[in-house]
Protein backbone atom coordinates (compact mmCIF):
# COMPACT_ATOMS: atom_id res chain seq x y z
CA UNK A 1 95.81 99.67 144.07
CA UNK A 2 94.20 98.73 140.82
CA UNK A 3 94.07 101.84 138.41
CA UNK A 4 92.42 100.77 135.28
CA UNK A 5 92.25 97.99 132.55
CA UNK A 6 95.61 97.65 130.91
CA UNK A 7 94.12 95.68 127.86
CA UNK A 8 91.89 92.87 126.86
CA UNK A 9 93.88 90.13 124.87
CA UNK A 10 92.83 87.09 122.98
CA UNK A 11 94.41 83.73 122.25
CA UNK A 12 94.60 82.93 118.62
CA UNK A 13 96.15 80.21 116.68
CA UNK A 14 97.27 82.04 113.30
CA UNK A 15 98.77 85.55 113.92
CA UNK A 16 98.73 86.62 110.17
CA UNK A 17 95.17 85.67 109.76
CA UNK A 18 94.37 87.50 112.98
CA UNK A 19 96.02 90.75 112.13
CA UNK A 20 94.27 90.49 108.56
CA UNK A 21 91.08 90.25 110.80
CA UNK A 22 91.38 92.81 113.39
CA UNK A 23 93.55 95.52 111.12
CA UNK A 24 91.90 94.77 107.54
CA UNK A 25 88.18 93.30 108.19
CA UNK A 26 87.84 95.50 111.02
CA UNK A 27 90.18 98.37 110.66
CA UNK A 28 91.37 98.70 113.94
CA UNK A 29 94.81 100.78 114.20
CA UNK A 30 98.02 98.56 114.97
CA UNK A 31 99.81 100.52 117.59
CA UNK A 32 102.86 97.62 118.94
CA UNK A 33 103.95 94.80 116.67
CA UNK A 34 107.05 93.60 114.89
CA UNK A 35 107.16 91.12 112.00
CA UNK A 36 107.98 88.20 114.15
CA UNK A 37 106.44 88.92 117.51
CA UNK A 38 103.71 86.75 119.23
CA UNK A 39 101.87 90.08 120.49
CA UNK A 40 100.30 92.52 118.65
CA UNK A 41 98.20 95.49 120.26
CA UNK A 42 95.42 98.05 118.70
CA UNK A 43 94.88 101.01 120.88
CA UNK A 44 91.62 102.60 120.06
CA UNK A 45 91.41 106.51 119.55
CA UNK A 46 89.15 106.97 122.56
CA UNK A 47 90.88 104.71 124.84
CA UNK A 48 91.32 100.68 125.25
CA UNK A 49 93.51 98.37 123.85
CA UNK A 50 93.28 94.91 122.51
CA UNK A 51 95.83 92.61 122.29
CA UNK A 52 96.23 89.47 120.24
CA UNK A 53 98.72 86.86 120.75
CA UNK A 54 99.93 83.11 119.98
CA UNK A 55 102.27 83.27 122.94
CA UNK A 56 99.79 81.88 125.44
CA UNK A 57 99.11 78.55 123.82
CA UNK A 58 95.18 79.41 125.25
CA UNK A 59 92.58 77.92 123.29
CA UNK A 60 90.41 80.46 121.85
CA UNK A 61 86.62 79.99 122.40
CA UNK A 62 83.34 81.88 121.98
CA UNK A 63 81.93 80.14 125.02
CA UNK A 64 84.71 81.32 127.24
CA UNK A 65 82.57 83.74 129.11
CA UNK A 66 84.40 87.22 128.35
CA UNK A 67 84.28 88.95 125.40
CA UNK A 68 85.92 92.61 124.09
CA UNK A 69 83.18 95.31 123.55
CA UNK A 70 83.82 97.82 120.73
CA UNK A 71 82.02 101.07 120.82
CA UNK A 72 80.91 102.35 117.07
CA UNK A 73 79.46 105.09 115.76
CA UNK A 74 76.75 103.29 113.86
CA UNK A 75 76.04 100.21 114.43
CA UNK A 76 73.77 99.53 111.39
CA UNK A 77 76.49 100.29 108.78
CA UNK A 78 79.13 98.52 110.92
CA UNK A 79 76.86 95.41 110.81
CA UNK A 80 76.15 96.00 107.14
CA UNK A 81 79.66 96.37 106.59
CA UNK A 82 80.96 93.21 108.31
CA UNK A 83 78.19 91.16 106.93
CA UNK A 84 79.51 92.18 103.37
CA UNK A 85 82.71 91.28 104.15
CA UNK A 86 81.31 87.83 105.44
CA UNK A 87 82.05 88.05 109.10
CA UNK A 88 80.01 85.88 111.12
CA UNK A 89 77.47 87.07 113.51
CA UNK A 90 76.66 85.13 116.87
CA UNK A 91 73.22 87.21 117.26
CA UNK A 92 71.07 89.25 115.71
CA UNK A 93 70.48 92.87 117.14
CA UNK A 94 70.40 93.02 120.82
CA UNK A 95 68.31 95.87 122.20
CA UNK A 96 68.78 97.09 126.01
CA UNK A 97 67.40 100.10 127.80
CA UNK A 98 70.84 101.70 127.31
CA UNK A 99 72.29 100.52 123.94
CA UNK A 100 71.93 98.11 120.89
CA UNK A 101 74.72 95.32 120.84
CA UNK A 102 75.20 92.50 117.98
CA UNK A 103 77.91 89.62 118.49
CA UNK A 104 80.62 88.70 115.87
CA UNK A 105 83.48 86.13 115.92
CA UNK A 106 86.62 86.45 114.88
CA UNK A 107 88.43 83.67 112.65
CA UNK A 108 89.64 81.69 115.73
CA UNK A 109 85.95 81.89 117.37
CA UNK A 110 86.67 84.36 120.07
CA UNK A 111 83.12 86.88 120.54
CA UNK A 112 83.14 90.28 119.96
CA UNK A 113 80.57 92.48 121.03
CA UNK A 114 79.85 95.74 119.02
CA UNK A 115 78.14 98.38 121.31
CA UNK A 116 76.42 101.59 120.23
CA UNK A 117 74.93 103.54 123.30
CA UNK A 118 71.47 105.22 122.94
CA UNK A 119 71.84 108.95 122.89
CA UNK A 120 70.33 110.34 126.35
CA UNK A 121 67.40 112.10 125.65
CA UNK A 122 67.66 116.20 126.41
């Protein structure tokens, strides 16, 4: 019955500020938008879609329990870049047996995980 996760969305309170963060600061490629739309989508090159919206009137929250996780090529370089841009971090580097992660927040307080898989040994 279910085929895949179609998209993840976050509620935002200020679309211009959110677009500046996701498109500018994070550099995500915008795939769907119009100048007056309350819904903007970012399709990632290797799959997955994040939408931001003001249409739901939901309150953004870092403690909502869910978060989007973005796979990155180089977590250390990504963290350095985002710290230089003043992006707030909600965690230090997190190590697991299969990956490394860090948590940042967007301008509305939504949590975003930065994720890098640990290469498998041959």
